[in-house]
Protein backbone atom coordinates (compact mmCIF):
# COMPACT_ATOMS: atom_id res chain seq x y z
CA MET A 1 -34.47 6.68 -8.60
CA ILE A 2 -32.90 7.59 -11.92
CA GLN A 3 -31.73 10.89 -10.44
CA GLY A 4 -29.92 8.98 -7.69
CA ILE A 5 -28.11 6.83 -10.24
CA ILE A 6 -27.13 9.88 -12.28
CA VAL A 7 -25.87 11.71 -9.19
CA LYS A 8 -23.82 8.67 -8.16
CA LYS A 9 -22.22 8.40 -11.62
CA VAL A 10 -21.43 12.13 -11.70
CA ILE A 11 -19.83 11.94 -8.25
CA ASP A 12 -17.73 8.93 -9.33
CA VAL A 13 -16.48 10.77 -12.42
CA VAL A 14 -15.71 13.94 -10.44
CA LEU A 15 -13.80 11.97 -7.79
CA LYS A 16 -11.75 10.19 -10.45
CA GLN A 17 -10.83 13.49 -12.06
CA ILE A 18 -9.86 15.03 -8.70
CA MET A 19 -7.74 12.00 -7.88
CA LYS A 20 -5.94 12.21 -11.23
CA LYS A 21 -5.38 15.95 -10.97
CA HIS A 22 -3.91 15.81 -7.47
CA LYS A 23 -2.20 12.42 -7.95
CA LEU A 24 -4.22 10.92 -5.13
CA ASP A 25 -4.40 7.60 -6.98
CA LYS A 26 -0.77 6.91 -6.04
CA LEU A 27 -1.50 7.74 -2.41
CA GLN A 28 -4.55 5.52 -2.45
CA LYS A 29 -2.51 2.69 -3.99
CA TYR A 30 0.16 3.13 -1.29
CA VAL A 31 -2.42 2.98 1.49
CA GLU A 32 -4.48 0.08 0.17
CA GLU A 33 -1.84 -2.24 -1.31
CA ASP A 34 0.95 -4.03 0.53
CA ASN A 35 4.35 -2.46 0.00
CA GLU A 36 7.81 -3.88 0.63
CA LEU A 37 7.78 -3.08 4.35
CA ASP A 38 4.36 -4.69 4.80
CA GLN A 39 5.66 -7.88 3.21
CA GLN A 40 8.79 -7.83 5.37
CA MET A 41 6.69 -7.36 8.51
CA LYS A 42 4.54 -10.35 7.59
CA VAL A 43 7.70 -12.47 7.30
CA VAL A 44 9.00 -11.12 10.62
CA GLN A 45 5.70 -11.85 12.37
CA LYS A 46 5.62 -15.36 10.92
CA ASN A 47 9.17 -16.03 12.13
CA LEU A 48 8.41 -14.52 15.54
CA ASN A 49 5.43 -16.84 15.97
CA LYS A 50 7.52 -19.82 14.87
CA TYR A 51 10.33 -19.04 17.30
CA GLY A 52 7.87 -18.29 20.10
CA LYS A 53 6.37 -21.76 19.74
CA TYR A 54 9.86 -23.27 19.64
CA ILE A 55 10.81 -21.47 22.87
CA GLU A 56 7.63 -22.69 24.56
CA GLU A 57 8.49 -26.27 23.61
CA LEU A 58 12.02 -25.85 24.96
CA GLU A 59 10.68 -24.41 28.21
CA LYS A 60 8.40 -27.44 28.62
CA GLU A 61 11.34 -29.77 28.05
CA VAL A 62 13.46 -27.85 30.59
CA ALA A 63 10.66 -28.10 33.15
CA ILE A 64 10.41 -31.85 32.61
CA LEU A 65 14.18 -32.26 32.93
CA ASN A 66 14.19 -30.15 36.13
CA LYS A 67 11.52 -32.38 37.63
CA LYS A 68 13.52 -35.48 36.74
CA LEU A 69 16.69 -33.93 38.18
CA ASN A 70 14.93 -32.98 41.41
CA LYS A 71 13.54 -36.51 41.66
CA LEU A 72 17.02 -38.01 41.20
CA GLU A 73 18.51 -35.64 43.80
CA LYS A 74 15.85 -36.62 46.34
CA GLU A 75 16.65 -40.32 45.77
CA LYS A 76 20.31 -39.80 46.68
């Protein structure tokens, strides 16, 4: 059990040193954290969803108006 803990700690230290030596920490940060493009895409997706819902509402209103127009034309 103690050997397992020691091995785990040694591996952690070795990995940290390798990451520092090869500058992998910057790559890891780039992969794991949101960057400027990720934030922009979140805004774009939010706006796209908002406009999609707005278009659906407009389509419903157009359908209702078409029904009313057809009804009025049939009455003439």
